[in-house]
Amino acid sequence: MTEVIEMLMIILIVTLCFLMIPFNTKPSAVIESRRKFDVFVRLYDKPYRGDAREYAYRFQIFRASLAKIRQLNERSRDANDTAIYGITQYADLSDREFIARQLADLLPDELSASGPRSPHQKFVIDSRSAEMKNDIIFSRARRDLRLPADLPLSVDWREQGIILPVKNQGSCGACWAISVVDTISALAALKRSDRKLTDLCHERVVRCAANGNNGCDGGDTCRLLEWLAEENYRIGTAESCPERNMVESDGNCTIAGRVDGLRQDLNNTVVKRFSCDGFANEEHLMLRHLATRGPIVAAVNAISWKYYLGGVIRYHCESEYELLNHAVAIVGYELNATVPYYIVKNSWGPRFGDHGYVKIAVGQNLCGIANRVSFIEVA
């Protein structure tokens, strides 16, 4: 009996010892982050795979990105389709690099007292803590959206076959031109009886547009529309575009693209009139135009899109006019969803976001989407 009791005591002691040993069956946070980074580098074919120093530097940025992604997703998801944030092709870029590469292409329409503002000066995002940003966003008074009674609840011009595939601006800061030219292509198709869609040469516009636009170094959607209308400029097809690879640099752009009165009937891609207005408290007018006239162009604040994977953006996207830094096309909306949203066509390639698209909640001027909107009519 005594031997049995002793045996039980030994088993108990050994069991307690094992329970007290802090076994760690999960890999450390650093090892797990490194595994994710290795997959990330291969997936996006990053050029520094063989550079140990650059690899280590980008890994540290990547780890910081993982922490920011967790913070973005911490907000309680009171609707299943609220935006999800995660690892994107930009996860190895610092905030300053992301701004300089992706958001420095929409030039400010006003100058500071000391001259032009640099992207870093204009789009500072580290100056406010995440908590302060959330306080600002969630304390903002919600506006009641006045919806016309006869407004369609769902509009998606992609379903009509008049929206071109998502482009990738790459290292060329051309969002201001791509958003305008692709919208003009859609509106031109709408005017045709056969709805034939023609891809237009935005590269030529990037290189040729004057009126303060600076090619791949940035431009402005309203200045571009003004130039297109004043010059009566005919945008050629992408098929016959010598600047398709942004290599060709010769030629008289304005004369080559100008349309005289005898030739206007040969091409319907001339801007007849346009507007650049704010609808921060009147988004129903944007919805009305989308439903009845077609896609529109908008300037937005895309800073928080760095980690966007999909879903409807409802938070983390400030709307101040001075933070506008990117140009997009809005190709529809969905009011039947749990969270009504705009269908926004971006220019960072189809691997970004929702196959190149972003969904932004309607009615709250999120991301400043209603601050600077252009309605366009083509001849």
Protein backbone atom coordinates (compact mmCIF):
# COMPACT_ATOMS: atom_id res chain seq x y z
CA MET A 1 0.00 0.00 0.00
CA THR A 2 2.82 2.30 0.94
CA GLU A 3 4.54 1.62 -2.40
CA VAL A 4 1.35 2.50 -4.26
CA ILE A 5 1.03 5.79 -2.37
CA GLU A 6 4.67 6.63 -3.09
CA MET A 7 4.18 5.85 -6.75
CA LEU A 8 1.13 8.11 -6.93
CA MET A 9 3.04 10.90 -5.20
CA ILE A 10 5.89 10.60 -7.73
CA ILE A 11 3.45 10.72 -10.62
CA LEU A 12 1.76 13.77 -9.07
CA ILE A 13 5.07 15.60 -8.57
CA VAL A 14 6.26 14.84 -12.08
CA THR A 15 2.92 16.00 -13.49
CA LEU A 16 3.09 19.24 -11.54
CA CYS A 17 6.62 19.84 -12.76
CA PHE A 18 5.53 19.45 -16.36
CA LEU A 19 2.59 21.75 -15.82
CA MET A 20 4.84 24.41 -14.35
CA ILE A 21 7.35 24.26 -17.21
CA PRO A 22 6.44 27.05 -19.66
CA PHE A 23 6.49 25.01 -22.86
CA ASN A 24 6.36 27.24 -25.94
CA THR A 25 5.06 25.20 -28.83
CA LYS A 26 4.37 28.27 -30.95
CA PRO A 27 7.12 29.99 -32.91
CA SER A 28 8.31 33.34 -31.59
CA ALA A 29 6.79 36.53 -32.96
CA VAL A 30 10.03 37.33 -34.78
CA ILE A 31 10.22 33.91 -36.43
CA GLU A 32 6.57 34.09 -37.47
CA SER A 33 7.10 37.58 -38.88
CA ARG A 34 10.15 36.36 -40.78
CA ARG A 35 8.15 33.53 -42.32
CA LYS A 36 5.50 35.99 -43.48
CA PHE A 37 8.18 38.30 -44.82
CA ASP A 38 9.85 35.52 -46.79
CA VAL A 39 6.53 34.67 -48.43
CA PHE A 40 5.89 38.38 -49.07
CA VAL A 41 9.28 38.86 -50.75
CA ARG A 42 8.72 35.89 -53.04
CA LEU A 43 5.10 36.77 -53.80
CA TYR A 44 5.92 40.30 -54.93
CA ASP A 45 9.35 39.42 -56.33
CA LYS A 46 11.11 42.08 -54.33
CA PRO A 47 14.50 43.09 -55.80
CA TYR A 48 16.44 42.94 -52.52
CA ARG A 49 16.23 39.18 -52.01
CA GLY A 50 20.00 38.88 -52.45
CA ASP A 51 20.94 42.03 -50.51
CA ALA A 52 21.31 41.09 -46.84
CA ARG A 53 21.47 44.66 -45.53
CA GLU A 54 18.46 45.88 -47.51
CA TYR A 55 16.59 42.69 -46.67
CA ALA A 56 17.11 43.28 -42.93
CA TYR A 57 16.02 46.92 -43.24
CA ARG A 58 12.85 46.03 -45.13
CA PHE A 59 12.09 43.28 -42.62
CA GLN A 60 12.04 45.80 -39.77
CA ILE A 61 9.62 48.00 -41.71
CA PHE A 62 7.52 44.92 -42.46
CA ARG A 63 7.30 44.07 -38.74
CA ALA A 64 6.13 47.62 -38.00
CA SER A 65 3.52 47.22 -40.74
CA LEU A 66 2.20 44.05 -39.08
CA ALA A 67 1.67 46.02 -35.86
CA LYS A 68 -0.15 48.80 -37.71
CA ILE A 69 -2.35 46.27 -39.48
CA ARG A 70 -3.38 44.78 -36.14
CA GLN A 71 -4.31 48.26 -34.92
CA LEU A 72 -6.39 48.97 -38.02
CA ASN A 73 -8.32 45.72 -37.61
CA GLU A 74 -8.90 46.13 -33.87
CA ARG A 75 -11.97 48.28 -34.43
CA SER A 76 -15.01 46.12 -33.73
CA ARG A 77 -16.54 44.92 -36.99
CA ASP A 78 -20.20 45.75 -36.43
CA ALA A 79 -20.83 44.84 -40.07
CA ASN A 80 -19.29 41.86 -41.83
CA ASP A 81 -18.33 43.87 -44.90
CA THR A 82 -16.32 46.53 -43.03
CA ALA A 83 -12.86 46.99 -44.53
CA ILE A 84 -10.13 44.49 -43.76
CA TYR A 85 -6.49 45.52 -43.65
CA GLY A 86 -3.49 43.28 -44.19
CA ILE A 87 -0.22 42.70 -46.01
CA THR A 88 -0.13 44.42 -49.39
CA GLN A 89 2.69 45.08 -51.85
CA TYR A 90 3.46 48.25 -49.87
CA ALA A 91 4.08 46.57 -46.50
CA ASP A 92 7.85 46.96 -46.81
CA LEU A 93 7.69 50.70 -47.42
CA SER A 94 7.94 53.31 -44.71
CA ASP A 95 5.07 55.75 -44.54
CA ARG A 96 7.23 58.43 -46.13
CA GLU A 97 8.22 56.12 -48.97
CA PHE A 98 4.63 55.10 -49.58
CA ILE A 99 3.56 58.72 -49.72
CA ALA A 100 6.40 59.68 -52.05
CA ARG A 101 5.81 56.75 -54.42
CA GLN A 102 2.05 56.46 -54.50
CA LEU A 103 0.54 59.73 -53.26
CA ALA A 104 2.81 62.49 -54.52
CA ASP A 105 1.24 62.57 -57.96
CA LEU A 106 -1.78 64.75 -57.22
CA LEU A 107 -0.40 68.28 -57.14
CA PRO A 108 -1.90 70.75 -54.64
CA ASP A 109 -4.16 73.28 -56.29
CA GLU A 110 -2.96 75.95 -53.88
CA LEU A 111 0.53 76.97 -52.85
CA SER A 112 1.74 77.69 -49.36
CA ALA A 113 3.12 81.09 -48.45
CA SER A 114 6.67 79.78 -48.91
CA GLY A 115 5.97 78.14 -52.26
CA PRO A 116 4.93 74.66 -53.32
CA ARG A 117 4.43 72.17 -50.54
CA SER A 118 6.39 68.93 -50.72
CA PRO A 119 4.57 65.62 -50.38
CA HIS A 120 6.14 65.14 -46.96
CA GLN A 121 4.95 68.52 -45.77
CA LYS A 122 1.49 68.13 -47.21
CA PHE A 123 0.73 64.54 -46.28
CA VAL A 124 2.24 64.08 -42.83
CA ILE A 125 0.61 61.06 -41.23
CA ASP A 126 2.90 60.43 -38.29
CA SER A 127 2.02 63.74 -36.64
CA ARG A 128 -1.12 62.34 -35.04
CA SER A 129 -1.38 59.20 -33.01
CA ALA A 130 -3.73 56.43 -34.10
CA GLU A 131 -5.86 57.12 -31.06
CA MET A 132 -6.19 60.80 -31.93
CA LYS A 133 -7.12 59.93 -35.50
CA ASN A 134 -9.81 57.60 -34.28
CA ASP A 135 -11.17 60.26 -31.92
CA ILE A 136 -11.36 62.71 -34.80
CA ILE A 137 -13.01 60.21 -37.12
CA PHE A 138 -15.59 58.85 -34.70
CA SER A 139 -16.50 62.19 -33.14
CA ARG A 140 -17.31 63.68 -36.52
CA ALA A 141 -21.01 64.43 -36.78
CA ARG A 142 -22.79 62.02 -39.09
CA ARG A 143 -24.68 63.63 -41.92
CA ASP A 144 -28.09 62.47 -43.03
CA LEU A 145 -27.93 61.43 -46.67
CA ARG A 146 -30.89 62.73 -48.65
CA LEU A 147 -31.66 60.09 -51.26
CA PRO A 148 -34.01 60.99 -54.13
CA ALA A 149 -37.05 58.73 -54.15
CA ASP A 150 -36.45 57.51 -57.71
CA LEU A 151 -32.72 56.87 -57.32
CA PRO A 152 -31.66 53.32 -58.30
CA LEU A 153 -30.34 51.44 -55.28
CA SER A 154 -27.56 49.82 -57.26
CA VAL A 155 -25.43 51.22 -60.11
CA ASP A 156 -22.33 49.52 -61.48
CA TRP A 157 -21.14 50.71 -64.88
CA ARG A 158 -18.78 47.73 -65.12
CA GLU A 159 -21.84 45.61 -65.79
CA GLN A 160 -22.55 47.70 -68.89
CA GLY A 161 -19.14 46.88 -70.37
CA ILE A 162 -17.95 50.48 -70.50
CA ILE A 163 -15.23 50.35 -67.84
CA LEU A 164 -11.66 49.58 -68.84
CA PRO A 165 -9.47 47.16 -66.84
CA VAL A 166 -7.65 48.57 -63.84
CA LYS A 167 -4.32 50.15 -64.79
CA ASN A 168 -1.12 50.20 -62.79
CA GLN A 169 0.58 53.59 -62.72
CA GLY A 170 3.76 51.99 -61.39
CA SER A 171 6.56 54.45 -60.77
CA CYS A 172 4.86 57.13 -62.88
CA GLY A 173 2.77 59.55 -60.82
CA ALA A 174 -0.12 59.49 -63.26
CA CYS A 175 -3.28 58.98 -61.19
CA TRP A 176 -4.49 62.46 -62.22
CA ALA A 177 -4.38 61.47 -65.92
CA ILE A 178 -5.47 57.83 -65.67
CA SER A 179 -8.60 58.65 -63.65
CA VAL A 180 -9.66 61.37 -66.10
CA VAL A 181 -8.79 59.59 -69.35
CA ASP A 182 -10.39 56.27 -68.34
CA THR A 183 -13.54 58.13 -67.30
CA ILE A 184 -13.60 59.92 -70.66
CA SER A 185 -13.31 56.50 -72.36
CA ALA A 186 -16.34 55.26 -70.43
CA LEU A 187 -18.40 58.37 -71.18
CA ALA A 188 -17.49 58.17 -74.87
CA ALA A 189 -18.69 54.55 -74.95
CA LEU A 190 -21.95 55.62 -73.32
CA LYS A 191 -22.60 58.05 -76.16
CA ARG A 192 -22.14 55.39 -78.82
CA SER A 193 -25.18 53.41 -79.91
CA ASP A 194 -23.14 50.20 -79.84
CA ARG A 195 -21.48 51.05 -76.50
CA LYS A 196 -18.09 50.24 -78.02
CA LEU A 197 -15.34 50.87 -75.47
CA THR A 198 -12.00 52.24 -76.68
CA ASP A 199 -8.90 52.42 -74.52
CA LEU A 200 -7.40 55.89 -74.86
CA CYS A 201 -3.78 56.94 -74.63
CA HIS A 202 -3.36 58.33 -71.13
CA GLU A 203 0.43 58.16 -71.55
CA ARG A 204 0.26 60.89 -74.19
CA VAL A 205 -1.81 63.03 -71.87
CA VAL A 206 0.68 62.51 -69.04
CA ARG A 207 3.52 63.74 -71.24
CA CYS A 208 1.70 66.50 -73.09
CA ALA A 209 -0.74 68.13 -70.70
CA ALA A 210 0.28 71.66 -69.80
CA ASN A 211 -1.53 74.09 -67.47
CA GLY A 212 0.72 73.30 -64.50
CA ASN A 213 0.76 69.53 -64.89
CA ASN A 214 4.14 67.84 -64.56
CA GLY A 215 3.93 64.47 -66.24
CA CYS A 216 5.04 61.54 -64.10
CA ASP A 217 5.96 64.00 -61.35
CA GLY A 218 2.29 64.79 -60.77
CA GLY A 219 -0.66 66.76 -62.01
CA ASP A 220 -4.16 67.89 -61.16
CA THR A 221 -7.45 66.51 -62.46
CA CYS A 222 -9.17 69.89 -62.69
CA ARG A 223 -6.20 71.53 -64.41
CA LEU A 224 -6.08 68.64 -66.85
CA LEU A 225 -9.79 68.91 -67.67
CA GLU A 226 -9.40 72.64 -68.15
CA TRP A 227 -6.49 72.08 -70.54
CA LEU A 228 -8.32 69.37 -72.49
CA ALA A 229 -11.38 71.60 -72.92
CA GLU A 230 -9.49 74.78 -73.80
CA GLU A 231 -7.22 73.02 -76.28
CA ASN A 232 -10.15 71.08 -77.73
CA TYR A 233 -7.74 68.19 -77.38
CA ARG A 234 -8.49 64.86 -79.02
CA ILE A 235 -7.10 61.92 -77.06
CA GLY A 236 -5.85 59.23 -79.41
CA THR A 237 -6.41 55.52 -78.91
CA ALA A 238 -4.04 53.45 -76.81
CA GLU A 239 -3.56 51.17 -79.77
CA SER A 240 -1.86 53.92 -81.78
CA CYS A 241 -0.11 55.52 -78.82
CA PRO A 242 3.64 56.05 -79.43
CA GLU A 243 4.13 56.89 -75.74
CA ARG A 244 2.63 53.60 -74.53
CA ASN A 245 5.82 52.70 -72.71
CA MET A 246 6.54 56.30 -71.72
CA VAL A 247 9.74 56.16 -73.81
CA GLU A 248 8.92 58.43 -76.73
CA SER A 249 9.64 62.06 -75.89
CA ASP A 250 9.54 63.86 -79.23
CA GLY A 251 6.67 65.50 -81.06
CA ASN A 252 4.46 68.54 -80.78
CA CYS A 253 1.82 67.28 -78.36
CA THR A 254 -0.70 70.11 -78.51
CA ILE A 255 -0.86 70.37 -82.30
CA ALA A 256 -0.99 66.60 -82.76
CA GLY A 257 -3.95 66.28 -80.47
CA ARG A 258 -5.91 69.39 -81.37
CA VAL A 259 -9.26 69.01 -83.11
CA ASP A 260 -10.54 71.66 -85.49
CA GLY A 261 -14.17 72.30 -86.30
CA LEU A 262 -14.08 70.09 -89.40
CA ARG A 263 -12.79 67.04 -87.55
CA GLN A 264 -14.77 67.00 -84.33
CA ASP A 265 -17.30 64.60 -85.80
CA LEU A 266 -14.53 62.02 -86.38
CA ASN A 267 -13.80 61.48 -82.74
CA ASN A 268 -16.00 61.66 -79.65
CA THR A 269 -13.27 61.86 -77.03
CA VAL A 270 -13.15 65.63 -76.73
CA VAL A 271 -14.10 67.22 -73.40
CA LYS A 272 -17.10 69.45 -74.07
CA ARG A 273 -17.58 70.71 -70.53
CA PHE A 274 -16.69 69.72 -66.99
CA SER A 275 -17.08 70.76 -63.37
CA CYS A 276 -14.91 70.65 -60.27
CA ASP A 277 -17.08 71.03 -57.20
CA GLY A 278 -17.39 69.94 -53.59
CA PHE A 279 -20.31 67.82 -52.38
CA ALA A 280 -19.33 67.19 -48.76
CA ASN A 281 -22.91 67.74 -47.62
CA GLU A 282 -24.61 66.79 -50.88
CA GLU A 283 -23.43 63.33 -51.80
CA HIS A 284 -26.89 62.56 -53.15
CA LEU A 285 -25.93 64.73 -56.13
CA MET A 286 -22.94 62.51 -56.78
CA LEU A 287 -25.19 59.45 -56.63
CA ARG A 288 -27.68 61.08 -58.98
CA HIS A 289 -24.96 61.86 -61.52
CA LEU A 290 -23.53 58.35 -61.28
CA ALA A 291 -26.96 56.87 -61.90
CA THR A 292 -27.96 59.10 -64.82
CA ARG A 293 -24.77 60.35 -66.49
CA GLY A 294 -22.02 57.81 -65.81
CA PRO A 295 -18.69 57.56 -63.95
CA ILE A 296 -17.11 60.56 -62.24
CA VAL A 297 -13.63 61.59 -61.08
CA ALA A 298 -12.74 62.39 -57.47
CA ALA A 299 -9.69 63.42 -55.47
CA VAL A 300 -9.25 61.42 -52.27
CA ASN A 301 -7.04 60.95 -49.25
CA ALA A 302 -5.59 57.47 -49.81
CA ILE A 303 -3.05 57.39 -46.99
CA SER A 304 -4.86 54.62 -45.11
CA TRP A 305 -5.16 52.50 -48.26
CA LYS A 306 -1.60 51.28 -47.78
CA TYR A 307 -2.89 48.08 -46.15
CA TYR A 308 -6.37 47.86 -47.68
CA LEU A 309 -7.41 44.35 -48.74
CA GLY A 310 -11.15 44.71 -49.31
CA GLY A 311 -14.48 45.52 -47.71
CA VAL A 312 -16.11 48.89 -47.12
CA ILE A 313 -13.91 51.64 -45.70
CA ARG A 314 -15.77 53.20 -42.79
CA TYR A 315 -12.97 54.34 -40.49
CA HIS A 316 -9.32 55.40 -40.53
CA CYS A 317 -9.75 57.72 -43.53
CA GLU A 318 -9.74 61.43 -42.86
CA SER A 319 -11.64 63.86 -45.05
CA GLU A 320 -9.85 67.21 -44.74
CA TYR A 321 -9.49 68.99 -48.07
CA GLU A 322 -5.80 69.67 -47.54
CA LEU A 323 -5.12 65.94 -47.23
CA LEU A 324 -6.30 65.10 -50.75
CA ASN A 325 -3.43 63.24 -52.40
CA HIS A 326 -4.75 60.83 -55.02
CA ALA A 327 -7.22 60.74 -57.93
CA VAL A 328 -9.67 57.95 -58.72
CA ALA A 329 -12.71 57.18 -60.83
CA ILE A 330 -16.05 56.33 -59.21
CA VAL A 331 -17.87 53.83 -61.41
CA GLY A 332 -20.96 53.09 -59.34
CA TYR A 333 -22.48 52.59 -55.92
CA GLU A 334 -24.41 50.03 -53.88
CA LEU A 335 -27.12 51.24 -51.50
CA ASN A 336 -28.60 47.79 -50.84
CA ALA A 337 -25.55 46.71 -48.85
CA THR A 338 -25.47 46.68 -45.05
CA VAL A 339 -23.04 49.58 -45.39
CA PRO A 340 -23.85 51.54 -48.59
CA TYR A 341 -20.70 52.23 -50.58
CA TYR A 342 -19.12 53.80 -53.67
CA ILE A 343 -17.36 51.55 -56.19
CA VAL A 344 -13.98 53.25 -56.64
CA LYS A 345 -11.57 52.35 -59.43
CA ASN A 346 -7.95 52.80 -58.40
CA SER A 347 -4.76 52.80 -60.51
CA TRP A 348 -2.41 50.60 -58.46
CA GLY A 349 -2.99 47.47 -60.49
CA PRO A 350 -5.48 44.59 -60.14
CA ARG A 351 -3.53 42.97 -57.30
CA PHE A 352 -4.37 45.87 -55.00
CA GLY A 353 -7.49 45.86 -52.84
CA ASP A 354 -10.61 44.28 -54.33
CA HIS A 355 -9.16 43.40 -57.76
CA GLY A 356 -7.93 46.98 -58.05
CA TYR A 357 -11.08 48.55 -56.60
CA VAL A 358 -11.89 50.18 -53.26
CA LYS A 359 -15.26 50.41 -51.54
CA ILE A 360 -15.90 53.61 -49.57
CA ALA A 361 -18.95 54.19 -47.39
CA VAL A 362 -21.50 56.62 -48.80
CA GLY A 363 -22.71 59.68 -46.93
CA GLN A 364 -19.81 60.59 -44.63
CA ASN A 365 -17.28 62.12 -47.04
CA LEU A 366 -14.83 59.45 -45.97
CA CYS A 367 -11.34 59.84 -47.46
CA GLY A 368 -12.53 63.28 -48.63
CA ILE A 369 -14.24 61.59 -51.56
CA ALA A 370 -16.81 64.39 -51.93
CA ASN A 371 -14.42 67.34 -51.54
CA ARG A 372 -13.29 67.73 -55.15
CA VAL A 373 -15.44 65.92 -57.69
CA SER A 374 -15.47 66.29 -61.46
CA PHE A 375 -18.47 65.67 -63.71
CA ILE A 376 -17.41 65.40 -67.35
CA GLU A 377 -19.33 65.67 -70.62
CA VAL A 378 -17.72 64.60 -73.87
CA ALA A 379 -18.59 65.89 -77.33
